[in-house]
Amino acid sequence: MKTAAKSKNSMRKSRHARVRAVVTGTAARPRLSVFKSNKFVSAQVIDDAKGVTIAAAHGREFKGSQTKQAEAIGAAIAERAKAKGIETVVFDRGGYNYAGQIKALADAARAGGLAF
């Protein structure tokens, strides 16, 4: 009997679950979580101990290609996190490959002053 193939998104969710079993954000070092849809990229800085989002940025706020949006989101999330006193974070790529939009967001966040 042949089993049904898993979808691309269900495979990503299982990868993300494996990572989330290990990676958690604290008040001292919150988690920078990235989500990517077909149109937009979004990022949140999350304190998992309290279950609170400290800072967030979404692609709807910026114009341009998806990679340009990701760069702008990385810079914005770094600025917003630093305004709240956050210097270091744990990067959670959300089960996506570290390439393209995810890499652009991470590089821009590092350039903005976040350490991870």
N, C-alpha and C. Protein backbone atom coordinates (compact mmCIF):
# COMPACT_ATOMS: atom_id res chain seq x y z
N MET A 1 0.84 -1.18 0.00
CA MET A 1 0.00 0.00 0.00
C MET A 1 0.89 1.25 0.00
N LYS A 2 0.60 2.15 -0.86
CA LYS A 2 1.39 3.36 -1.02
C LYS A 2 0.85 4.46 -0.09
N THR A 3 1.75 5.14 0.60
CA THR A 3 1.32 6.22 1.48
C THR A 3 1.29 7.53 0.69
N ALA A 4 0.43 8.42 1.11
CA ALA A 4 0.32 9.72 0.45
C ALA A 4 1.55 10.56 0.74
N ALA A 5 1.99 11.29 -0.25
CA ALA A 5 3.16 12.16 -0.08
C ALA A 5 2.78 13.35 0.79
N LYS A 6 3.71 13.73 1.65
CA LYS A 6 3.46 14.88 2.50
C LYS A 6 3.65 16.15 1.69
N SER A 7 2.90 17.15 2.04
CA SER A 7 3.03 18.43 1.33
C SER A 7 4.29 19.15 1.79
N LYS A 8 4.69 20.13 0.99
CA LYS A 8 5.87 20.92 1.29
C LYS A 8 5.71 21.64 2.63
N ASN A 9 4.51 22.16 2.87
CA ASN A 9 4.26 22.90 4.11
C ASN A 9 4.24 21.98 5.33
N SER A 10 3.69 20.79 5.20
CA SER A 10 3.68 19.87 6.34
C SER A 10 5.09 19.41 6.69
N MET A 11 5.94 19.25 5.68
CA MET A 11 7.35 18.90 5.92
C MET A 11 8.05 20.06 6.64
N ARG A 12 7.76 21.30 6.23
CA ARG A 12 8.34 22.47 6.88
C ARG A 12 7.90 22.55 8.33
N LYS A 13 6.62 22.27 8.58
CA LYS A 13 6.11 22.31 9.96
C LYS A 13 6.77 21.26 10.84
N SER A 14 7.07 20.10 10.30
CA SER A 14 7.73 19.07 11.11
C SER A 14 9.19 19.47 11.38
N ARG A 15 9.86 20.09 10.40
CA ARG A 15 11.21 20.60 10.63
C ARG A 15 11.19 21.68 11.70
N HIS A 16 10.21 22.57 11.62
CA HIS A 16 10.09 23.66 12.60
C HIS A 16 9.83 23.10 14.00
N ALA A 17 9.01 22.06 14.10
CA ALA A 17 8.72 21.45 15.40
C ALA A 17 9.99 20.85 16.01
N ARG A 18 10.83 20.24 15.19
CA ARG A 18 12.09 19.68 15.69
C ARG A 18 12.99 20.79 16.23
N VAL A 19 13.05 21.89 15.52
CA VAL A 19 13.89 23.01 15.96
C VAL A 19 13.32 23.63 17.23
N ARG A 20 12.00 23.78 17.28
CA ARG A 20 11.36 24.41 18.43
C ARG A 20 11.46 23.57 19.69
N ALA A 21 11.72 22.28 19.55
CA ALA A 21 11.92 21.43 20.72
C ALA A 21 13.20 21.82 21.45
N VAL A 22 14.13 22.47 20.74
CA VAL A 22 15.42 22.83 21.30
C VAL A 22 15.54 24.34 21.52
N VAL A 23 15.08 25.13 20.57
CA VAL A 23 15.26 26.58 20.59
C VAL A 23 14.10 27.24 21.33
N THR A 24 14.43 27.95 22.41
CA THR A 24 13.43 28.73 23.13
C THR A 24 13.98 30.11 23.43
N GLY A 25 13.09 31.07 23.52
CA GLY A 25 13.50 32.43 23.82
C GLY A 25 13.27 32.74 25.28
N THR A 26 14.18 33.48 25.87
CA THR A 26 14.05 33.92 27.25
C THR A 26 13.97 35.43 27.27
N ALA A 27 13.79 36.00 28.46
CA ALA A 27 13.74 37.46 28.56
C ALA A 27 15.08 38.06 28.18
N ALA A 28 16.18 37.39 28.57
CA ALA A 28 17.52 37.89 28.27
C ALA A 28 17.88 37.70 26.80
N ARG A 29 17.43 36.60 26.21
CA ARG A 29 17.74 36.29 24.81
C ARG A 29 16.50 35.73 24.12
N PRO A 30 15.62 36.62 23.62
CA PRO A 30 14.38 36.16 23.00
C PRO A 30 14.62 35.52 21.63
N ARG A 31 13.58 34.91 21.11
CA ARG A 31 13.64 34.19 19.83
C ARG A 31 13.19 35.09 18.70
N LEU A 32 13.99 35.17 17.64
CA LEU A 32 13.62 35.90 16.42
C LEU A 32 13.02 34.88 15.47
N SER A 33 11.70 34.88 15.38
CA SER A 33 10.98 33.89 14.58
C SER A 33 10.60 34.50 13.23
N VAL A 34 10.81 33.72 12.15
CA VAL A 34 10.54 34.18 10.80
C VAL A 34 9.44 33.32 10.20
N PHE A 35 8.50 33.98 9.49
CA PHE A 35 7.46 33.26 8.76
C PHE A 35 7.43 33.81 7.34
N LYS A 36 7.27 32.92 6.38
CA LYS A 36 7.27 33.30 4.98
C LYS A 36 6.01 32.74 4.32
N SER A 37 5.24 33.61 3.66
CA SER A 37 4.09 33.16 2.88
C SER A 37 4.42 33.36 1.40
N ASN A 38 3.44 33.14 0.54
CA ASN A 38 3.70 33.32 -0.89
C ASN A 38 3.94 34.79 -1.25
N LYS A 39 3.37 35.72 -0.48
CA LYS A 39 3.49 37.13 -0.80
C LYS A 39 4.41 37.90 0.14
N PHE A 40 4.45 37.53 1.40
CA PHE A 40 5.11 38.34 2.41
C PHE A 40 6.04 37.51 3.30
N VAL A 41 6.90 38.24 3.99
CA VAL A 41 7.75 37.68 5.05
C VAL A 41 7.44 38.47 6.30
N SER A 42 7.42 37.81 7.45
CA SER A 42 7.22 38.53 8.70
C SER A 42 8.20 37.98 9.74
N ALA A 43 8.47 38.81 10.73
CA ALA A 43 9.40 38.42 11.79
C ALA A 43 8.87 38.93 13.12
N GLN A 44 9.11 38.16 14.18
CA GLN A 44 8.71 38.53 15.53
C GLN A 44 9.85 38.22 16.49
N VAL A 45 10.02 39.06 17.47
CA VAL A 45 10.93 38.79 18.58
C VAL A 45 10.05 38.36 19.74
N ILE A 46 10.22 37.12 20.21
CA ILE A 46 9.30 36.51 21.16
C ILE A 46 10.02 36.06 22.42
N ASP A 47 9.44 36.40 23.58
CA ASP A 47 9.88 35.88 24.87
C ASP A 47 9.00 34.67 25.17
N ASP A 48 9.53 33.46 24.97
CA ASP A 48 8.74 32.25 25.15
C ASP A 48 8.42 31.96 26.61
N ALA A 49 9.23 32.46 27.54
CA ALA A 49 8.96 32.22 28.96
C ALA A 49 7.65 32.88 29.37
N LYS A 50 7.41 34.09 28.88
CA LYS A 50 6.17 34.81 29.19
C LYS A 50 5.10 34.62 28.12
N GLY A 51 5.50 34.16 26.94
CA GLY A 51 4.56 34.02 25.84
C GLY A 51 4.16 35.36 25.26
N VAL A 52 5.13 36.29 25.16
CA VAL A 52 4.85 37.65 24.74
C VAL A 52 5.69 38.00 23.51
N THR A 53 5.06 38.67 22.54
CA THR A 53 5.78 39.21 21.40
C THR A 53 6.32 40.58 21.78
N ILE A 54 7.63 40.74 21.69
CA ILE A 54 8.28 41.98 22.09
C ILE A 54 8.29 42.99 20.94
N ALA A 55 8.60 42.52 19.73
CA ALA A 55 8.64 43.39 18.55
C ALA A 55 8.24 42.56 17.34
N ALA A 56 7.68 43.23 16.33
CA ALA A 56 7.25 42.53 15.13
C ALA A 56 7.39 43.44 13.92
N ALA A 57 7.55 42.83 12.74
CA ALA A 57 7.58 43.55 11.48
C ALA A 57 6.99 42.64 10.41
N HIS A 58 6.29 43.24 9.44
CA HIS A 58 5.62 42.47 8.40
C HIS A 58 5.90 43.09 7.04
N GLY A 59 5.90 42.28 6.01
CA GLY A 59 6.19 42.73 4.66
C GLY A 59 5.19 43.72 4.10
N ARG A 60 3.97 43.77 4.65
CA ARG A 60 2.97 44.74 4.17
C ARG A 60 3.43 46.17 4.40
N GLU A 61 4.35 46.36 5.34
CA GLU A 61 4.82 47.71 5.66
C GLU A 61 5.80 48.24 4.62
N PHE A 62 6.34 47.38 3.75
CA PHE A 62 7.41 47.77 2.85
C PHE A 62 7.06 47.42 1.41
N LYS A 63 7.58 48.20 0.48
CA LYS A 63 7.37 47.98 -0.95
C LYS A 63 8.60 47.30 -1.54
N GLY A 64 8.43 46.72 -2.72
CA GLY A 64 9.56 46.14 -3.44
C GLY A 64 9.44 44.63 -3.56
N SER A 65 10.49 44.02 -4.09
CA SER A 65 10.50 42.57 -4.25
C SER A 65 10.54 41.90 -2.88
N GLN A 66 10.31 40.60 -2.86
CA GLN A 66 10.26 39.89 -1.59
C GLN A 66 11.61 39.91 -0.88
N THR A 67 12.70 39.87 -1.62
CA THR A 67 14.01 39.93 -1.00
C THR A 67 14.25 41.32 -0.41
N LYS A 68 13.84 42.36 -1.12
CA LYS A 68 13.96 43.73 -0.60
C LYS A 68 13.09 43.90 0.64
N GLN A 69 11.89 43.31 0.62
CA GLN A 69 11.02 43.34 1.80
C GLN A 69 11.71 42.67 2.97
N ALA A 70 12.34 41.52 2.73
CA ALA A 70 13.01 40.78 3.80
C ALA A 70 14.14 41.60 4.40
N GLU A 71 14.90 42.29 3.56
CA GLU A 71 15.98 43.14 4.05
C GLU A 71 15.42 44.27 4.91
N ALA A 72 14.34 44.89 4.45
CA ALA A 72 13.72 45.99 5.20
C ALA A 72 13.14 45.48 6.53
N ILE A 73 12.58 44.29 6.52
CA ILE A 73 12.04 43.70 7.75
C ILE A 73 13.16 43.42 8.74
N GLY A 74 14.28 42.88 8.26
CA GLY A 74 15.42 42.62 9.12
C GLY A 74 15.92 43.88 9.79
N ALA A 75 16.04 44.96 9.01
CA ALA A 75 16.49 46.23 9.57
C ALA A 75 15.47 46.79 10.56
N ALA A 76 14.19 46.68 10.22
CA ALA A 76 13.13 47.20 11.09
C ALA A 76 13.04 46.41 12.40
N ILE A 77 13.15 45.09 12.33
CA ILE A 77 13.03 44.28 13.54
C ILE A 77 14.23 44.54 14.45
N ALA A 78 15.41 44.76 13.86
CA ALA A 78 16.59 45.08 14.66
C ALA A 78 16.40 46.42 15.36
N GLU A 79 15.89 47.40 14.65
CA GLU A 79 15.66 48.72 15.22
C GLU A 79 14.62 48.66 16.34
N ARG A 80 13.53 47.94 16.12
CA ARG A 80 12.47 47.84 17.11
C ARG A 80 12.91 47.04 18.34
N ALA A 81 13.70 46.01 18.13
CA ALA A 81 14.19 45.22 19.26
C ALA A 81 15.19 46.03 20.09
N LYS A 82 16.07 46.76 19.42
CA LYS A 82 17.05 47.58 20.14
C LYS A 82 16.36 48.69 20.92
N ALA A 83 15.24 49.21 20.40
CA ALA A 83 14.47 50.23 21.12
C ALA A 83 13.90 49.67 22.41
N LYS A 84 13.63 48.35 22.43
CA LYS A 84 13.12 47.69 23.64
C LYS A 84 14.24 47.16 24.53
N GLY A 85 15.50 47.39 24.15
CA GLY A 85 16.63 46.97 24.96
C GLY A 85 17.13 45.57 24.66
N ILE A 86 16.77 45.01 23.53
CA ILE A 86 17.20 43.66 23.14
C ILE A 86 18.44 43.78 22.26
N GLU A 87 19.51 43.12 22.65
CA GLU A 87 20.76 43.14 21.87
C GLU A 87 21.04 41.80 21.21
N THR A 88 20.72 40.69 21.91
CA THR A 88 21.00 39.35 21.38
C THR A 88 19.71 38.56 21.29
N VAL A 89 19.60 37.74 20.26
CA VAL A 89 18.43 36.91 20.04
C VAL A 89 18.88 35.51 19.62
N VAL A 90 17.93 34.58 19.65
CA VAL A 90 18.12 33.24 19.10
C VAL A 90 17.35 33.22 17.79
N PHE A 91 18.00 32.86 16.69
CA PHE A 91 17.36 32.89 15.37
C PHE A 91 16.59 31.61 15.12
N ASP A 92 15.32 31.74 14.79
CA ASP A 92 14.44 30.61 14.47
C ASP A 92 13.98 30.80 13.03
N ARG A 93 14.56 30.02 12.12
CA ARG A 93 14.27 30.20 10.70
C ARG A 93 12.93 29.58 10.30
N GLY A 94 12.23 28.97 11.21
CA GLY A 94 10.89 28.47 10.95
C GLY A 94 10.81 27.26 10.05
N GLY A 95 11.88 26.49 9.93
CA GLY A 95 11.86 25.30 9.09
C GLY A 95 12.19 25.60 7.64
N TYR A 96 12.43 26.87 7.29
CA TYR A 96 12.78 27.24 5.92
C TYR A 96 14.29 27.09 5.72
N ASN A 97 14.70 26.92 4.47
CA ASN A 97 16.12 26.88 4.15
C ASN A 97 16.74 28.24 4.43
N TYR A 98 17.96 28.23 4.92
CA TYR A 98 18.67 29.48 5.19
C TYR A 98 19.26 29.98 3.87
N ALA A 99 18.41 30.56 3.04
CA ALA A 99 18.81 31.09 1.74
C ALA A 99 17.76 32.11 1.32
N GLY A 100 18.09 32.91 0.34
CA GLY A 100 17.13 33.85 -0.22
C GLY A 100 16.61 34.85 0.79
N GLN A 101 15.30 34.86 0.95
CA GLN A 101 14.64 35.84 1.82
C GLN A 101 15.05 35.68 3.29
N ILE A 102 15.19 34.44 3.76
CA ILE A 102 15.54 34.20 5.15
C ILE A 102 16.95 34.71 5.43
N LYS A 103 17.88 34.45 4.52
CA LYS A 103 19.25 34.92 4.67
C LYS A 103 19.32 36.43 4.61
N ALA A 104 18.55 37.04 3.70
CA ALA A 104 18.54 38.50 3.57
C ALA A 104 18.02 39.14 4.85
N LEU A 105 16.97 38.57 5.43
CA LEU A 105 16.42 39.09 6.69
C LEU A 105 17.45 38.97 7.81
N ALA A 106 18.09 37.82 7.92
CA ALA A 106 19.07 37.60 8.98
C ALA A 106 20.27 38.54 8.83
N ASP A 107 20.76 38.70 7.62
CA ASP A 107 21.91 39.58 7.39
C ASP A 107 21.57 41.03 7.72
N ALA A 108 20.37 41.46 7.35
CA ALA A 108 19.95 42.84 7.64
C ALA A 108 19.76 43.04 9.14
N ALA A 109 19.26 42.03 9.85
CA ALA A 109 19.09 42.14 11.30
C ALA A 109 20.45 42.22 11.98
N ARG A 110 21.42 41.44 11.50
CA ARG A 110 22.78 41.51 12.05
C ARG A 110 23.40 42.88 11.77
N ALA A 111 23.19 43.38 10.55
CA ALA A 111 23.72 44.71 10.21
C ALA A 111 23.06 45.80 11.05
N GLY A 112 21.81 45.57 11.46
CA GLY A 112 21.09 46.53 12.29
C GLY A 112 21.51 46.49 13.75
N GLY A 113 22.34 45.52 14.13
CA GLY A 113 22.86 45.50 15.49
C GLY A 113 22.43 44.33 16.35
N LEU A 114 21.60 43.44 15.85
CA LEU A 114 21.23 42.25 16.63
C LEU A 114 22.33 41.21 16.52
N ALA A 115 22.62 40.56 17.63
CA ALA A 115 23.63 39.51 17.66
C ALA A 115 22.96 38.15 17.78
N PHE A 116 23.29 37.25 16.87
CA PHE A 116 22.84 35.86 16.94
C PHE A 116 23.73 34.98 16.11
